[in-house]
């Protein structure tokens, strides 16, 4: 006699023993597979880009480009606030956490299209800056360098934006502005540098953007996995795909970091510290008394004259001109000035000198460039030794010379 076979139904997770409940939580596939799959699908829909996403991305890049051109930090912040919620960028992390190479590729493509729009707008702004001869961009240069403060802001923005996407109680709008601030500004600066030909913006800004994008993707993946998003084997998402995706992200991050170390790209320019040494005074002339030679001696027979040499004049020392010094004096907003190889803003930057640094002015007569700017030829001293270069005359405070008697 055979007993009828009954279909096995899964146990209720609430009725499982504690040991089996802990194993179910640690497992790759959760017990409530249907609800988990529905949650992943809902998150996938939230990270899908729309037409408004690309439109406001274009608006954000335009505002940031104008802010770079005008060297205005307020416009840079406004451009970040005008950016849309960067949910497609966190969709890269969602695809990695779920182990879906297809979803990962789709969201990465959407993020790269938005990034291309920002880069193109920055390049157009660079061409406009070249027409109007805009060369000094202090704020854009700082955003094209790797700073721990920018990475900290990016990390905080990633955490709160991911939590805002997962939970409706938290709005991701403001944290997403921190992501746009860390991603769109260096990317716009890179395009601006390519269009204008200004050094230290391209490709430095692009390297900074790539490093920030990898940090966002890896950190977002950790957050989604911590919130229960795991590879779902039954619908084609595998842990092997997760390993491959993470490997690609880590490889891109290591390559970008290698450019920073080996090629000195996106590194801040070291600011030399000049040690002030007292200038010796020129030697003063001293008078040397020469004794009078004795008079000729007469004998009783034939007088004999004794030749007495004439006194030789004492050689006077050659006086060297007193060195002519000036002091680097720039507004507190910039804190220093660049020294260039030629009297031109487009020439190579040799070093940077902070306010209060003494420099020796080799020729007090200024040299005018094509735009009518006055340049002074100076000798400076930095961490690498002495050097000669050119600096704008209005960046030097020249004291009134006092005669040295």
Protein backbone atom coordinates (compact mmCIF):
# COMPACT_ATOMS: atom_id res chain seq x y z
CA UNK A 1 0.00 0.00 0.00
CA UNK A 2 1.50 3.28 -1.12
CA UNK A 3 0.78 6.53 0.60
CA UNK A 4 -0.25 9.54 -1.50
CA UNK A 5 2.53 12.00 -2.10
CA UNK A 6 2.03 15.51 -0.91
CA UNK A 7 3.78 18.59 -2.20
CA UNK A 8 6.26 20.09 0.20
CA UNK A 9 5.57 23.64 1.24
CA UNK A 10 8.28 25.92 2.53
CA UNK A 11 8.35 26.51 6.26
CA UNK A 12 7.21 29.81 7.66
CA UNK A 13 10.39 31.77 8.61
CA UNK A 14 8.73 32.82 11.86
CA UNK A 15 8.19 29.15 12.87
CA UNK A 16 11.78 28.05 12.13
CA UNK A 17 14.16 27.24 14.98
CA UNK A 18 16.67 29.99 15.82
CA UNK A 19 19.59 28.12 14.21
CA UNK A 20 17.76 27.63 10.87
CA UNK A 21 16.53 31.24 11.01
CA UNK A 22 20.12 32.47 11.31
CA UNK A 23 21.22 30.24 8.41
CA UNK A 24 18.35 31.60 6.29
CA UNK A 25 19.43 35.17 6.96
CA UNK A 26 23.02 34.39 6.03
CA UNK A 27 22.03 32.50 2.88
CA UNK A 28 22.38 33.77 -0.64
CA UNK A 29 18.66 33.48 -1.43
CA UNK A 30 16.17 34.82 1.15
CA UNK A 31 13.14 32.80 2.22
CA UNK A 32 10.62 35.37 0.99
CA UNK A 33 12.00 35.25 -2.53
CA UNK A 34 8.97 36.80 -4.19
CA UNK A 35 8.87 39.82 -1.94
CA UNK A 36 12.63 40.25 -2.26
CA UNK A 37 12.45 40.11 -6.06
CA UNK A 38 9.63 42.64 -6.02
CA UNK A 39 11.71 44.96 -3.83
CA UNK A 40 14.66 44.76 -6.20
CA UNK A 41 12.38 45.48 -9.15
CA UNK A 42 10.98 48.54 -7.35
CA UNK A 43 14.46 49.86 -6.65
CA UNK A 44 15.41 49.21 -10.25
CA UNK A 45 12.51 51.38 -11.39
CA UNK A 46 13.59 54.20 -9.04
CA UNK A 47 17.10 54.23 -10.50
CA UNK A 48 15.86 54.34 -14.10
CA UNK A 49 16.86 57.60 -15.87
CA UNK A 50 14.19 59.82 -17.37
CA UNK A 51 14.21 62.72 -19.81
CA UNK A 52 14.12 65.16 -16.88
CA UNK A 53 17.25 63.54 -15.48
CA UNK A 54 19.27 64.36 -18.61
CA UNK A 55 17.65 67.80 -18.96
CA UNK A 56 18.53 68.93 -15.43
CA UNK A 57 21.97 67.35 -15.78
CA UNK A 58 22.54 69.60 -18.79
CA UNK A 59 21.32 72.61 -16.79
CA UNK A 60 23.61 71.73 -13.89
CA UNK A 61 26.64 71.41 -16.17
CA UNK A 62 25.87 74.79 -17.76
CA UNK A 63 25.70 76.58 -14.39
CA UNK A 64 28.90 74.90 -13.20
CA UNK A 65 30.67 75.86 -16.45
CA UNK A 66 29.69 79.51 -15.99
CA UNK A 67 30.83 79.33 -12.37
CA UNK A 68 34.23 78.04 -13.48
CA UNK A 69 34.52 80.78 -16.09
CA UNK A 70 33.70 83.49 -13.55
CA UNK A 71 35.70 81.74 -10.79
CA UNK A 72 32.60 81.90 -8.57
CA UNK A 73 32.15 79.25 -5.83
CA UNK A 74 28.53 80.33 -5.34
CA UNK A 75 27.64 79.32 -8.91
CA UNK A 76 29.42 75.99 -8.44
CA UNK A 77 27.22 75.22 -5.43
CA UNK A 78 24.13 76.41 -7.33
CA UNK A 79 25.00 74.07 -10.22
CA UNK A 80 25.24 71.12 -7.81
CA UNK A 81 21.87 72.01 -6.28
CA UNK A 82 20.29 72.26 -9.74
CA UNK A 83 21.36 68.71 -10.60
CA UNK A 84 18.72 65.95 -10.48
CA UNK A 85 18.82 63.08 -8.01
CA UNK A 86 21.71 60.92 -9.21
CA UNK A 87 19.76 57.69 -8.75
CA UNK A 88 21.13 56.15 -12.01
CA UNK A 89 24.64 56.45 -10.57
CA UNK A 90 23.51 54.46 -7.53
CA UNK A 91 21.84 52.06 -9.97
CA UNK A 92 25.40 50.95 -10.79
CA UNK A 93 25.75 49.89 -7.15
CA UNK A 94 22.33 48.21 -7.21
CA UNK A 95 23.28 46.17 -10.27
CA UNK A 96 26.53 45.15 -8.60
CA UNK A 97 24.80 44.17 -5.34
CA UNK A 98 22.16 42.12 -7.19
CA UNK A 99 24.80 40.50 -9.41
CA UNK A 100 23.10 41.52 -12.66
CA UNK A 101 25.64 42.37 -15.35
CA UNK A 102 22.86 43.51 -17.70
CA UNK A 103 21.36 45.92 -15.16
CA UNK A 104 24.85 47.11 -14.17
CA UNK A 105 25.69 47.83 -17.83
CA UNK A 106 22.43 49.70 -18.43
CA UNK A 107 22.85 52.00 -15.43
CA UNK A 108 26.53 52.55 -16.15
CA UNK A 109 25.66 53.55 -19.73
CA UNK A 110 23.04 56.03 -18.46
CA UNK A 111 25.53 57.53 -16.00
CA UNK A 112 28.17 57.86 -18.72
CA UNK A 113 25.71 59.57 -21.09
CA UNK A 114 24.87 62.12 -18.39
CA UNK A 115 28.58 62.57 -17.68
CA UNK A 116 29.25 63.14 -21.37
CA UNK A 117 26.68 65.95 -21.43
CA UNK A 118 28.39 67.64 -18.48
CA UNK A 119 31.81 67.21 -20.11
CA UNK A 120 30.66 68.68 -23.44
CA UNK A 121 29.13 71.71 -21.74
CA UNK A 122 32.40 72.24 -19.88
CA UNK A 123 34.37 72.02 -23.13
CA UNK A 124 32.13 74.66 -24.75
CA UNK A 125 32.71 76.91 -21.75
CA UNK A 126 36.45 76.37 -22.18
CA UNK A 127 36.29 77.52 -25.79
CA UNK A 128 34.42 80.64 -24.69
CA UNK A 129 37.03 81.31 -22.00
CA UNK A 130 39.78 81.04 -24.62
CA UNK A 131 38.05 83.71 -26.71
CA UNK A 132 37.84 86.09 -23.74
CA UNK A 133 41.40 85.24 -22.54
CA UNK A 134 40.37 83.83 -19.15
CA UNK A 135 43.35 81.94 -17.72
CA UNK A 136 43.40 82.25 -13.92
CA UNK A 137 40.94 79.68 -12.50
CA UNK A 138 41.80 79.05 -8.87
CA UNK A 139 38.64 77.24 -7.82
CA UNK A 140 38.55 74.96 -10.87
CA UNK A 141 42.16 73.95 -10.24
CA UNK A 142 41.34 72.93 -6.66
CA UNK A 143 38.47 70.71 -7.83
CA UNK A 144 40.81 68.98 -10.30
CA UNK A 145 42.91 67.65 -7.43
CA UNK A 146 42.36 64.74 -5.09
CA UNK A 147 41.29 66.06 -1.66
CA UNK A 148 40.21 64.01 1.34
CA UNK A 149 37.49 66.58 2.09
CA UNK A 150 35.88 65.97 -1.31
CA UNK A 151 36.05 62.19 -0.76
CA UNK A 152 34.46 62.61 2.68
CA UNK A 153 31.63 64.71 1.20
CA UNK A 154 31.12 62.11 -1.53
CA UNK A 155 30.98 59.26 1.00
CA UNK A 156 28.43 61.02 3.21
CA UNK A 157 26.30 61.93 0.18
CA UNK A 158 26.41 58.33 -1.08
CA UNK A 159 25.27 56.89 2.24
CA UNK A 160 22.31 59.23 2.68
CA UNK A 161 21.27 59.12 -0.99
CA UNK A 162 21.22 55.32 -0.92
CA UNK A 163 19.19 55.34 2.29
CA UNK A 164 16.80 57.85 0.74
CA UNK A 165 16.24 55.55 -2.24
CA UNK A 166 15.68 52.54 0.02
CA UNK A 167 13.34 54.32 2.44
CA UNK A 168 10.67 56.81 1.44
CA UNK A 169 10.95 58.57 4.79
CA UNK A 170 14.31 60.07 3.83
CA UNK A 171 14.47 62.40 0.84
CA UNK A 172 17.57 61.87 -1.36
CA UNK A 173 17.45 65.34 -2.95
CA UNK A 174 19.89 67.18 -0.67
CA UNK A 175 22.39 64.29 -0.28
CA UNK A 176 22.33 63.84 -4.05
CA UNK A 177 23.52 67.45 -4.39
CA UNK A 178 26.67 66.38 -2.56
CA UNK A 179 27.16 63.66 -5.20
CA UNK A 180 26.71 66.18 -8.02
CA UNK A 181 29.16 68.51 -6.26
CA UNK A 182 31.79 65.74 -6.13
CA UNK A 183 31.17 64.33 -9.62
CA UNK A 184 29.96 67.07 -11.96
CA UNK A 185 32.35 69.87 -10.90
CA UNK A 186 35.64 67.99 -11.61
CA UNK A 187 34.12 66.57 -14.80
CA UNK A 188 33.10 70.05 -15.99
CA UNK A 189 36.57 71.35 -15.06
CA UNK A 190 38.13 68.60 -17.19
CA UNK A 191 36.06 69.60 -20.22
CA UNK A 192 36.81 73.26 -19.51
CA UNK A 193 40.53 72.53 -19.48
CA UNK A 194 40.33 70.58 -22.75
CA UNK A 195 38.44 73.40 -24.47
CA UNK A 196 40.58 76.26 -23.14
CA UNK A 197 43.97 74.57 -23.11
CA UNK A 198 44.54 75.53 -19.46
CA UNK A 199 46.90 73.12 -17.76
CA UNK A 200 46.12 71.16 -14.58
CA UNK A 201 42.44 70.83 -15.54
CA UNK A 202 42.66 68.18 -18.26
CA UNK A 203 43.03 65.27 -17.72
CA UNK A 204 43.30 65.89 -13.95
CA UNK A 205 39.58 66.57 -13.52
CA UNK A 206 38.65 63.42 -15.47
CA UNK A 207 40.88 61.29 -13.21
CA UNK A 208 39.28 62.82 -10.10
CA UNK A 209 35.79 62.11 -11.53
CA UNK A 210 36.71 58.48 -12.24
CA UNK A 211 38.07 57.95 -8.73
CA UNK A 212 34.95 59.50 -7.19
CA UNK A 213 32.66 57.36 -9.40
CA UNK A 214 34.42 54.16 -8.32
CA UNK A 215 34.22 55.16 -4.63
CA UNK A 216 30.49 55.89 -5.03
CA UNK A 217 29.85 52.56 -6.76
CA UNK A 218 31.77 50.44 -4.24
CA UNK A 219 30.34 52.23 -1.20
CA UNK A 220 26.80 52.05 -2.61
CA UNK A 221 27.24 48.31 -3.28
CA UNK A 222 28.25 47.76 0.35
CA UNK A 223 25.18 49.70 1.56
CA UNK A 224 22.75 47.77 -0.67
CA UNK A 225 24.24 44.43 0.36
CA UNK A 226 24.02 45.49 4.00
CA UNK A 227 20.34 46.29 3.49
CA UNK A 228 19.61 42.78 2.19
CA UNK A 229 20.07 43.15 -1.59
CA UNK A 230 21.83 39.93 -2.60
CA UNK A 231 22.36 38.03 -5.86
CA UNK A 232 19.16 36.17 -6.79
CA UNK A 233 20.11 32.89 -8.46
CA UNK A 234 16.62 31.92 -9.59
CA UNK A 235 16.26 34.89 -11.93
CA UNK A 236 19.77 34.87 -13.34
CA UNK A 237 21.66 37.02 -10.82
CA UNK A 238 24.65 35.11 -9.47
CA UNK A 239 27.39 35.76 -6.97
CA UNK A 240 29.90 35.18 -9.76
CA UNK A 241 28.52 38.19 -11.59
CA UNK A 242 28.89 40.22 -8.40
CA UNK A 243 32.56 39.27 -8.19
CA UNK A 244 33.15 40.19 -11.85
CA UNK A 245 31.43 43.59 -11.48
CA UNK A 246 33.34 44.45 -8.31
CA UNK A 247 36.56 43.35 -9.97
CA UNK A 248 35.93 45.74 -12.88
CA UNK A 249 35.22 48.64 -10.52
CA UNK A 250 38.30 47.94 -8.40
CA UNK A 251 40.48 47.65 -11.52
CA UNK A 252 39.26 51.05 -12.79
CA UNK A 253 39.87 52.59 -9.38
CA UNK A 254 43.40 51.17 -9.12
CA UNK A 255 44.23 52.38 -12.65
CA UNK A 256 43.03 55.90 -11.84
CA UNK A 257 44.89 55.97 -8.54
CA UNK A 258 48.00 54.76 -10.36
CA UNK A 259 47.85 57.79 -12.65
CA UNK A 260 47.78 60.03 -9.59
CA UNK A 261 50.90 58.40 -8.11
CA UNK A 262 53.00 57.69 -11.21
CA UNK A 263 52.12 60.62 -13.49
CA UNK A 264 51.52 63.26 -10.76
CA UNK A 265 48.03 63.88 -12.16
CA UNK A 266 45.38 65.49 -9.92
CA UNK A 267 47.91 66.20 -7.18
CA UNK A 268 48.01 69.62 -5.49
CA UNK A 269 50.99 71.82 -6.36
CA UNK A 270 53.36 71.90 -3.38
CA UNK A 271 53.62 75.34 -1.83
CA UNK A 272 57.24 76.12 -0.99
CA UNK A 273 58.25 77.72 2.30
CA UNK A 274 60.91 80.38 1.83
CA UNK A 275 63.37 80.90 4.67
CA UNK A 276 64.24 84.55 5.09
CA UNK A 277 67.94 85.23 5.50
CA UNK A 278 69.44 88.60 6.43
CA UNK A 279 71.08 90.49 3.58
CA UNK A 280 74.68 91.46 4.37
CA UNK A 281 75.50 95.15 4.07
CA UNK A 282 78.14 96.17 1.51
CA UNK A 283 81.64 96.64 2.95
CA UNK A 284 82.64 100.18 3.87
CA UNK A 285 85.85 101.75 2.68
CA UNK A 286 88.64 101.94 5.30
CA UNK A 287 91.60 104.29 5.15
CA UNK A 288 95.06 102.80 5.68
CA UNK A 289 97.83 105.12 6.94
CA UNK A 290 101.14 104.67 5.10
CA UNK A 291 104.31 105.69 7.04
CA UNK A 292 106.52 108.42 5.55
CA UNK A 293 109.80 106.98 4.25
CA UNK A 294 113.05 108.26 5.82
CA UNK A 295 114.89 111.17 4.24
CA UNK A 296 118.22 110.62 2.29
CA UNK A 297 121.41 110.21 4.40
CA UNK A 298 124.46 112.46 3.63
CA UNK A 299 128.08 111.25 4.13
CA UNK A 300 131.21 113.33 4.81
CA UNK A 301 132.75 112.64 1.40
CA UNK A 302 130.51 112.35 -1.63
CA UNK A 303 126.85 112.68 -0.98
CA UNK A 304 124.90 109.69 -2.17
CA UNK A 305 121.19 109.97 -2.80
CA UNK A 306 119.13 107.04 -1.65
CA UNK A 307 116.19 106.17 -3.87
CA UNK A 308 113.09 106.04 -1.78
CA UNK A 309 110.03 104.32 -3.28
CA UNK A 310 106.89 106.35 -3.52
CA UNK A 311 103.98 105.24 -1.34
CA UNK A 312 101.61 102.96 -3.16
CA UNK A 313 97.93 103.90 -3.02
CA UNK A 314 95.68 101.61 -1.01
CA UNK A 315 93.20 99.72 -3.21
CA UNK A 316 89.59 100.58 -2.43
CA UNK A 317 86.97 97.75 -2.28
CA UNK A 318 84.44 97.34 -5.09
CA UNK A 319 80.96 98.14 -3.77
CA UNK A 320 78.17 95.76 -4.82
CA UNK A 321 74.70 97.21 -5.34
CA UNK A 322 72.20 96.54 -2.59
CA UNK A 323 69.77 93.76 -3.66
CA UNK A 324 66.29 95.01 -4.52
CA UNK A 325 63.60 92.94 -2.81
CA UNK A 326 59.85 92.76 -2.99
CA UNK A 327 57.14 90.87 -1.11
CA UNK A 328 54.42 88.65 -2.60
CA UNK A 329 51.15 90.35 -1.69
CA UNK A 330 47.90 88.82 -3.00
CA UNK A 331 44.41 89.10 -1.56
CA UNK A 332 43.61 86.67 1.23
CA UNK A 333 41.16 84.91 -1.08
CA UNK A 334 44.01 83.40 -3.13
CA UNK A 335 46.82 83.24 -0.48
CA UNK A 336 49.64 83.21 -3.06
CA UNK A 337 50.78 83.65 -6.64
CA UNK A 338 52.25 81.51 -9.40
CA UNK A 339 55.74 82.11 -10.84
CA UNK A 340 55.92 81.55 -14.60
CA UNK A 341 58.76 80.79 -16.99
CA UNK A 342 57.91 83.66 -19.37
CA UNK A 343 56.07 86.99 -18.96
CA UNK A 344 52.81 85.48 -20.17
CA UNK A 345 49.81 83.87 -18.45
CA UNK A 346 49.95 80.93 -20.86
CA UNK A 347 53.56 80.06 -20.01
CA UNK A 348 54.64 77.23 -17.72
CA UNK A 349 54.09 77.52 -13.98
CA UNK A 350 57.44 77.07 -12.22
CA UNK A 351 56.21 77.19 -8.61
CA UNK A 352 53.82 78.93 -6.26
CA UNK A 353 54.75 81.44 -3.55
CA UNK A 354 52.61 82.27 -0.54
CA UNK A 355 51.84 85.77 0.71
CA UNK A 356 54.70 87.44 2.55
CA UNK A 357 57.44 85.62 0.61
CA UNK A 358 60.47 87.79 -0.18
CA UNK A 359 61.79 87.71 -3.73
CA UNK A 360 64.71 89.53 -5.33
CA UNK A 361 63.74 91.80 -8.22
CA UNK A 362 66.39 91.43 -10.91
CA UNK A 363 65.17 94.31 -13.04
CA UNK A 364 62.86 97.01 -11.65
CA UNK A 365 61.74 97.92 -15.18
CA UNK A 366 58.57 95.86 -15.94
CA UNK A 367 57.97 94.00 -19.20
CA UNK A 368 54.57 94.28 -20.90
CA UNK A 369 52.86 91.29 -22.50
CA UNK A 370 50.40 91.30 -25.41
CA UNK A 371 47.47 92.16 -23.14
CA UNK A 372 49.36 95.08 -21.56
CA UNK A 373 50.07 93.35 -18.23
CA UNK A 374 53.25 94.32 -16.40
CA UNK A 375 55.68 91.54 -15.42
CA UNK A 376 58.80 91.62 -13.21
CA UNK A 377 61.79 89.34 -13.52
CA UNK A 378 62.58 87.91 -10.07
CA UNK A 379 64.80 85.45 -8.31
CA UNK A 380 63.08 83.24 -5.74
CA UNK A 381 63.93 80.40 -3.38
CA UNK A 382 61.70 77.39 -2.77
CA UNK A 383 62.03 73.83 -1.50
CA UNK A 384 63.91 72.80 -4.65
CA UNK A 385 66.43 75.66 -4.48
CA UNK A 386 66.86 79.00 -6.18
CA UNK A 387 65.27 79.88 -9.48
CA UNK A 388 64.35 82.76 -11.74
CA UNK A 389 60.95 83.53 -13.21
CA UNK A 390 58.31 86.16 -13.91
CA UNK A 391 55.44 87.44 -11.78
CA UNK A 392 52.74 90.04 -12.35
CA UNK A 393 53.84 93.44 -11.04
CA UNK A 394 50.56 94.02 -9.19
CA UNK A 395 51.19 90.88 -7.12
CA UNK A 396 54.44 92.29 -5.66
CA UNK A 397 54.60 94.81 -2.81
CA UNK A 398 57.76 96.87 -3.38
CA UNK A 399 58.95 98.89 -0.36
CA UNK A 400 60.36 102.41 -0.72
CA UNK A 401 64.17 102.02 -1.07
CA UNK A 402 66.22 103.49 1.79
CA UNK A 403 69.81 104.59 1.03
CA UNK A 404 72.45 102.54 2.78
CA UNK A 405 75.31 104.88 3.66
